[in-house]
Amino acid sequence: MNTSNRTVPNAMSILTIEEAAEMLRTPVSTLRYWRHMKRGPKAGRIGGRLMYRQADLEQWLNDQFED
């Protein structure tokens, strides 16, 4: 499925690690490294898969630009 043209309906949307990496414009391996170092966006496991809430990604991204 091509997610680049998909409209996300609300802030509770759940994204795979691949979708989160695409949203943040960073490699999946970087997201995994940040998670390992406990410095990336919050993630959780659902059915064994690493997933991200869009709202958490947006908040983490906004926090990177605050002084």
PDB file of N, CA and C in Angstrom:
ATOM      1  N   MET A   1       0.833  -1.177   0.000  1.00  0.00           N
ATOM      2  CA  MET A   1       0.000   0.000   0.000  1.00  0.00           C
ATOM      3  C   MET A   1       0.881   1.245   0.000  1.00  0.00           C
ATOM      4  N   ASN A   2       0.621   2.175  -0.856  1.00  0.00           N
ATOM      5  CA  ASN A   2       1.350   3.433  -0.904  1.00  0.00           C
ATOM      6  C   ASN A   2       0.734   4.393   0.100  1.00  0.00           C
ATOM      7  N   THR A   3       1.503   4.729   1.158  1.00  0.00           N
ATOM      8  CA  THR A   3       0.976   5.587   2.210  1.00  0.00           C
ATOM      9  C   THR A   3       1.281   7.055   1.989  1.00  0.00           C
ATOM     10  N   SER A   4       2.051   7.397   0.986  1.00  0.00           N
ATOM     11  CA  SER A   4       2.451   8.785   0.798  1.00  0.00           C
ATOM     12  C   SER A   4       1.289   9.689   0.434  1.00  0.00           C
ATOM     13  N   ASN A   5       0.228   9.152  -0.158  1.00  0.00           N
ATOM     14  CA  ASN A   5      -0.923   9.958  -0.538  1.00  0.00           C
ATOM     15  C   ASN A   5      -2.108   9.771   0.400  1.00  0.00           C
ATOM     16  N   ARG A   6      -1.929   9.008   1.444  1.00  0.00           N
ATOM     17  CA  ARG A   6      -3.019   8.710   2.365  1.00  0.00           C
ATOM     18  C   ARG A   6      -3.248   9.881   3.316  1.00  0.00           C
ATOM     19  N   THR A   7      -4.492  10.226   3.526  1.00  0.00           N
ATOM     20  CA  THR A   7      -4.850  11.259   4.477  1.00  0.00           C
ATOM     21  C   THR A   7      -5.113  10.594   5.813  1.00  0.00           C
ATOM     22  N   VAL A   8      -4.489  11.111   6.863  1.00  0.00           N
ATOM     23  CA  VAL A   8      -4.656  10.545   8.191  1.00  0.00           C
ATOM     24  C   VAL A   8      -5.888  11.179   8.816  1.00  0.00           C
ATOM     25  N   PRO A   9      -6.878  10.373   9.221  1.00  0.00           N
ATOM     26  CA  PRO A   9      -8.159  10.919   9.658  1.00  0.00           C
ATOM     27  C   PRO A   9      -8.160  11.634  10.996  1.00  0.00           C
ATOM     28  N   ASN A  10      -7.312  11.229  11.936  1.00  0.00           N
ATOM     29  CA  ASN A  10      -7.327  11.881  13.246  1.00  0.00           C
ATOM     30  C   ASN A  10      -6.013  11.668  13.972  1.00  0.00           C
ATOM     31  N   ALA A  11      -5.878  12.316  15.132  1.00  0.00           N
ATOM     32  CA  ALA A  11      -4.629  12.270  15.885  1.00  0.00           C
ATOM     33  C   ALA A  11      -4.372  10.908  16.528  1.00  0.00           C
ATOM     34  N   MET A  12      -5.353  10.027  16.594  1.00  0.00           N
ATOM     35  CA  MET A  12      -5.146   8.712  17.179  1.00  0.00           C
ATOM     36  C   MET A  12      -4.736   7.679  16.142  1.00  0.00           C
ATOM     37  N   SER A  13      -4.329   8.114  14.989  1.00  0.00           N
ATOM     38  CA  SER A  13      -3.886   7.184  13.962  1.00  0.00           C
ATOM     39  C   SER A  13      -2.624   6.466  14.425  1.00  0.00           C
ATOM     40  N   ILE A  14      -2.559   5.197  14.126  1.00  0.00           N
ATOM     41  CA  ILE A  14      -1.423   4.357  14.492  1.00  0.00           C
ATOM     42  C   ILE A  14      -0.608   4.101  13.232  1.00  0.00           C
ATOM     43  N   LEU A  15       0.702   4.296  13.334  1.00  0.00           N
ATOM     44  CA  LEU A  15       1.592   4.135  12.195  1.00  0.00           C
ATOM     45  C   LEU A  15       2.601   3.028  12.456  1.00  0.00           C
ATOM     46  N   THR A  16       2.960   2.315  11.416  1.00  0.00           N
ATOM     47  CA  THR A  16       4.045   1.339  11.503  1.00  0.00           C
ATOM     48  C   THR A  16       5.363   2.097  11.584  1.00  0.00           C
ATOM     49  N   ILE A  17       6.421   1.389  11.877  1.00  0.00           N
ATOM     50  CA  ILE A  17       7.730   2.037  11.950  1.00  0.00           C
ATOM     51  C   ILE A  17       8.138   2.589  10.580  1.00  0.00           C
ATOM     52  N   GLU A  18       7.745   1.908   9.527  1.00  0.00           N
ATOM     53  CA  GLU A  18       8.059   2.388   8.178  1.00  0.00           C
ATOM     54  C   GLU A  18       7.317   3.694   7.879  1.00  0.00           C
ATOM     55  N   GLU A  19       6.042   3.750   8.281  1.00  0.00           N
ATOM     56  CA  GLU A  19       5.260   4.970   8.068  1.00  0.00           C
ATOM     57  C   GLU A  19       5.778   6.117   8.924  1.00  0.00           C
ATOM     58  N   ALA A  20       6.171   5.806  10.162  1.00  0.00           N
ATOM     59  CA  ALA A  20       6.726   6.830  11.049  1.00  0.00           C
ATOM     60  C   ALA A  20       8.031   7.373  10.476  1.00  0.00           C
ATOM     61  N   ALA A  21       8.873   6.487   9.968  1.00  0.00           N
ATOM     62  CA  ALA A  21      10.139   6.923   9.363  1.00  0.00           C
ATOM     63  C   ALA A  21       9.877   7.821   8.161  1.00  0.00           C
ATOM     64  N   GLU A  22       8.887   7.468   7.365  1.00  0.00           N
ATOM     65  CA  GLU A  22       8.535   8.285   6.203  1.00  0.00           C
ATOM     66  C   GLU A  22       8.047   9.662   6.656  1.00  0.00           C
ATOM     67  N   MET A  23       7.220   9.685   7.683  1.00  0.00           N
ATOM     68  CA  MET A  23       6.694  10.951   8.196  1.00  0.00           C
ATOM     69  C   MET A  23       7.821  11.850   8.706  1.00  0.00           C
ATOM     70  N   LEU A  24       8.802  11.255   9.393  1.00  0.00           N
ATOM     71  CA  LEU A  24       9.920  12.020   9.947  1.00  0.00           C
ATOM     72  C   LEU A  24      11.064  12.205   8.953  1.00  0.00           C
ATOM     73  N   ARG A  25      10.920  11.588   7.782  1.00  0.00           N
ATOM     74  CA  ARG A  25      11.955  11.652   6.743  1.00  0.00           C
ATOM     75  C   ARG A  25      13.309  11.188   7.262  1.00  0.00           C
ATOM     76  N   THR A  26      13.273  10.031   7.904  1.00  0.00           N
ATOM     77  CA  THR A  26      14.486   9.436   8.449  1.00  0.00           C
ATOM     78  C   THR A  26      14.445   7.931   8.194  1.00  0.00           C
ATOM     79  N   PRO A  27      15.582   7.279   8.113  1.00  0.00           N
ATOM     80  CA  PRO A  27      15.589   5.827   7.893  1.00  0.00           C
ATOM     81  C   PRO A  27      14.990   5.068   9.078  1.00  0.00           C
ATOM     82  N   VAL A  28      14.415   3.921   8.804  1.00  0.00           N
ATOM     83  CA  VAL A  28      13.872   3.056   9.850  1.00  0.00           C
ATOM     84  C   VAL A  28      14.965   2.720  10.859  1.00  0.00           C
ATOM     85  N   SER A  29      16.166   2.489  10.377  1.00  0.00           N
ATOM     86  CA  SER A  29      17.272   2.143  11.282  1.00  0.00           C
ATOM     87  C   SER A  29      17.550   3.265  12.280  1.00  0.00           C
ATOM     88  N   THR A  30      17.353   4.511  11.877  1.00  0.00           N
ATOM     89  CA  THR A  30      17.551   5.639  12.794  1.00  0.00           C
ATOM     90  C   THR A  30      16.484   5.631  13.877  1.00  0.00           C
ATOM     91  N   LEU A  31      15.236   5.352  13.521  1.00  0.00           N
ATOM     92  CA  LEU A  31      14.182   5.250  14.530  1.00  0.00           C
ATOM     93  C   LEU A  31      14.489   4.128  15.521  1.00  0.00           C
ATOM     94  N   ARG A  32      14.976   3.017  15.020  1.00  0.00           N
ATOM     95  CA  ARG A  32      15.330   1.896  15.913  1.00  0.00           C
ATOM     96  C   ARG A  32      16.467   2.299  16.850  1.00  0.00           C
ATOM     97  N   TYR A  33      17.451   3.005  16.319  1.00  0.00           N
ATOM     98  CA  TYR A  33      18.581   3.459  17.138  1.00  0.00           C
ATOM     99  C   TYR A  33      18.109   4.441  18.208  1.00  0.00           C
ATOM    100  N   TRP A  34      17.285   5.425  17.817  1.00  0.00           N
ATOM    101  CA  TRP A  34      16.761   6.382  18.792  1.00  0.00           C
ATOM    102  C   TRP A  34      15.992   5.665  19.893  1.00  0.00           C
ATOM    103  N   ARG A  35      15.201   4.659  19.514  1.00  0.00           N
ATOM    104  CA  ARG A  35      14.439   3.912  20.517  1.00  0.00           C
ATOM    105  C   ARG A  35      15.392   3.183  21.459  1.00  0.00           C
ATOM    106  N   HIS A  36      16.420   2.573  20.919  1.00  0.00           N
ATOM    107  CA  HIS A  36      17.424   1.882  21.726  1.00  0.00           C
ATOM    108  C   HIS A  36      18.096   2.847  22.708  1.00  0.00           C
ATOM    109  N   MET A  37      18.371   4.070  22.249  1.00  0.00           N
ATOM    110  CA  MET A  37      19.042   5.081  23.073  1.00  0.00           C
ATOM    111  C   MET A  37      18.051   5.851  23.956  1.00  0.00           C
ATOM    112  N   LYS A  38      16.763   5.532  23.859  1.00  0.00           N
ATOM    113  CA  LYS A  38      15.691   6.182  24.621  1.00  0.00           C
ATOM    114  C   LYS A  38      15.660   7.689  24.393  1.00  0.00           C
ATOM    115  N   ARG A  39      15.799   8.102  23.118  1.00  0.00           N
ATOM    116  CA  ARG A  39      15.752   9.524  22.815  1.00  0.00           C
ATOM    117  C   ARG A  39      14.838   9.868  21.646  1.00  0.00           C
ATOM    118  N   GLY A  40      14.163   8.906  21.115  1.00  0.00           N
ATOM    119  CA  GLY A  40      13.263   9.146  19.995  1.00  0.00           C
ATOM    120  C   GLY A  40      11.821   9.276  20.442  1.00  0.00           C
ATOM    121  N   PRO A  41      10.903   9.301  19.488  1.00  0.00           N
ATOM    122  CA  PRO A  41       9.487   9.397  19.830  1.00  0.00           C
ATOM    123  C   PRO A  41       8.992   8.130  20.524  1.00  0.00           C
ATOM    124  N   LYS A  42       7.952   8.303  21.323  1.00  0.00           N
ATOM    125  CA  LYS A  42       7.360   7.191  22.059  1.00  0.00           C
ATOM    126  C   LYS A  42       6.766   6.181  21.080  1.00  0.00           C
ATOM    127  N   ALA A  43       6.974   4.914  21.379  1.00  0.00           N
ATOM    128  CA  ALA A  43       6.440   3.832  20.546  1.00  0.00           C
ATOM    129  C   ALA A  43       5.930   2.726  21.455  1.00  0.00           C
ATOM    130  N   GLY A  44       5.156   1.827  20.891  1.00  0.00           N
ATOM    131  CA  GLY A  44       4.651   0.696  21.656  1.00  0.00           C
ATOM    132  C   GLY A  44       4.478  -0.508  20.755  1.00  0.00           C
ATOM    133  N   ARG A  45       4.326  -1.642  21.383  1.00  0.00           N
ATOM    134  CA  ARG A  45       4.135  -2.878  20.624  1.00  0.00           C
ATOM    135  C   ARG A  45       2.661  -3.250  20.624  1.00  0.00           C
ATOM    136  N   ILE A  46       2.154  -3.504  19.444  1.00  0.00           N
ATOM    137  CA  ILE A  46       0.785  -3.971  19.274  1.00  0.00           C
ATOM    138  C   ILE A  46       0.869  -5.251  18.456  1.00  0.00           C
ATOM    139  N   GLY A  47       0.489  -6.342  19.067  1.00  0.00           N
ATOM    140  CA  GLY A  47       0.583  -7.630  18.390  1.00  0.00           C
ATOM    141  C   GLY A  47       2.003  -7.974  17.978  1.00  0.00           C
ATOM    142  N   GLY A  48       2.966  -7.533  18.764  1.00  0.00           N
ATOM    143  CA  GLY A  48       4.360  -7.822  18.471  1.00  0.00           C
ATOM    144  C   GLY A  48       5.018  -6.844  17.512  1.00  0.00           C
ATOM    145  N   ARG A  49       4.231  -5.947  16.918  1.00  0.00           N
ATOM    146  CA  ARG A  49       4.793  -4.980  15.960  1.00  0.00           C
ATOM    147  C   ARG A  49       5.010  -3.639  16.645  1.00  0.00           C
ATOM    148  N   LEU A  50       6.109  -2.998  16.316  1.00  0.00           N
ATOM    149  CA  LEU A  50       6.419  -1.681  16.845  1.00  0.00           C
ATOM    150  C   LEU A  50       5.560  -0.653  16.117  1.00  0.00           C
ATOM    151  N   MET A  51       4.777   0.118  16.882  1.00  0.00           N
ATOM    152  CA  MET A  51       3.846   1.073  16.298  1.00  0.00           C
ATOM    153  C   MET A  51       4.020   2.439  16.965  1.00  0.00           C
ATOM    154  N   TYR A  52       3.637   3.469  16.245  1.00  0.00           N
ATOM    155  CA  TYR A  52       3.733   4.844  16.731  1.00  0.00           C
ATOM    156  C   TYR A  52       2.380   5.525  16.585  1.00  0.00           C
ATOM    157  N   ARG A  53       1.989   6.321  17.579  1.00  0.00           N
ATOM    158  CA  ARG A  53       0.803   7.168  17.437  1.00  0.00           C
ATOM    159  C   ARG A  53       1.234   8.440  16.726  1.00  0.00           C
ATOM    160  N   GLN A  54       0.464   8.848  15.753  1.00  0.00           N
ATOM    161  CA  GLN A  54       0.806  10.052  15.001  1.00  0.00           C
ATOM    162  C   GLN A  54       0.941  11.253  15.936  1.00  0.00           C
ATOM    163  N   ALA A  55       0.071  11.366  16.917  1.00  0.00           N
ATOM    164  CA  ALA A  55       0.122  12.490  17.856  1.00  0.00           C
ATOM    165  C   ALA A  55       1.455  12.518  18.602  1.00  0.00           C
ATOM    166  N   ASP A  56       1.981  11.342  18.985  1.00  0.00           N
ATOM    167  CA  ASP A  56       3.277  11.281  19.678  1.00  0.00           C
ATOM    168  C   ASP A  56       4.412  11.710  18.754  1.00  0.00           C
ATOM    169  N   LEU A  57       4.342  11.301  17.497  1.00  0.00           N
ATOM    170  CA  LEU A  57       5.363  11.709  16.537  1.00  0.00           C
ATOM    171  C   LEU A  57       5.346  13.219  16.339  1.00  0.00           C
ATOM    172  N   GLU A  58       4.149  13.781  16.194  1.00  0.00           N
ATOM    173  CA  GLU A  58       4.031  15.227  16.000  1.00  0.00           C
ATOM    174  C   GLU A  58       4.535  15.986  17.220  1.00  0.00           C
ATOM    175  N   GLN A  59       4.197  15.511  18.430  1.00  0.00           N
ATOM    176  CA  GLN A  59       4.653  16.174  19.652  1.00  0.00           C
ATOM    177  C   GLN A  59       6.171  16.093  19.773  1.00  0.00           C
ATOM    178  N   TRP A  60       6.734  14.926  19.510  1.00  0.00           N
ATOM    179  CA  TRP A  60       8.183  14.762  19.593  1.00  0.00           C
ATOM    180  C   TRP A  60       8.884  15.679  18.590  1.00  0.00           C
ATOM    181  N   LEU A  61       8.350  15.749  17.400  1.00  0.00           N
ATOM    182  CA  LEU A  61       8.916  16.599  16.368  1.00  0.00           C
ATOM    183  C   LEU A  61       8.859  18.069  16.788  1.00  0.00           C
ATOM    184  N   ASN A  62       7.727  18.501  17.311  1.00  0.00           N
ATOM    185  CA  ASN A  62       7.606  19.889  17.786  1.00  0.00           C
ATOM    186  C   ASN A  62       8.575  20.172  18.922  1.00  0.00           C
ATOM    187  N   ASP A  63       8.780  19.206  19.815  1.00  0.00           N
ATOM    188  CA  ASP A  63       9.714  19.379  20.936  1.00  0.00           C
ATOM    189  C   ASP A  63      11.151  19.580  20.462  1.00  0.00           C
ATOM    190  N   GLN A  64      11.489  19.067  19.293  1.00  0.00           N
ATOM    191  CA  GLN A  64      12.851  19.210  18.789  1.00  0.00           C
ATOM    192  C   GLN A  64      13.183  20.649  18.408  1.00  0.00           C
ATOM    193  N   PHE A  65      12.143  21.466  18.180  1.00  0.00           N
ATOM    194  CA  PHE A  65      12.346  22.839  17.745  1.00  0.00           C
ATOM    195  C   PHE A  65      12.168  23.850  18.873  1.00  0.00           C
ATOM    196  N   GLU A  66      11.811  23.395  20.070  1.00  0.00           N
ATOM    197  CA  GLU A  66      11.640  24.305  21.188  1.00  0.00           C
ATOM    198  C   GLU A  66      12.996  24.615  21.813  1.00  0.00           C
ATOM    199  N   ASP A  67      13.113  25.841  22.312  1.00  0.00           N
ATOM    200  CA  ASP A  67      14.360  26.265  22.962  1.00  0.00           C
ATOM    201  C   ASP A  67      14.327  26.026  24.440  1.00  0.00           C
TER     202      ASP A  67
END
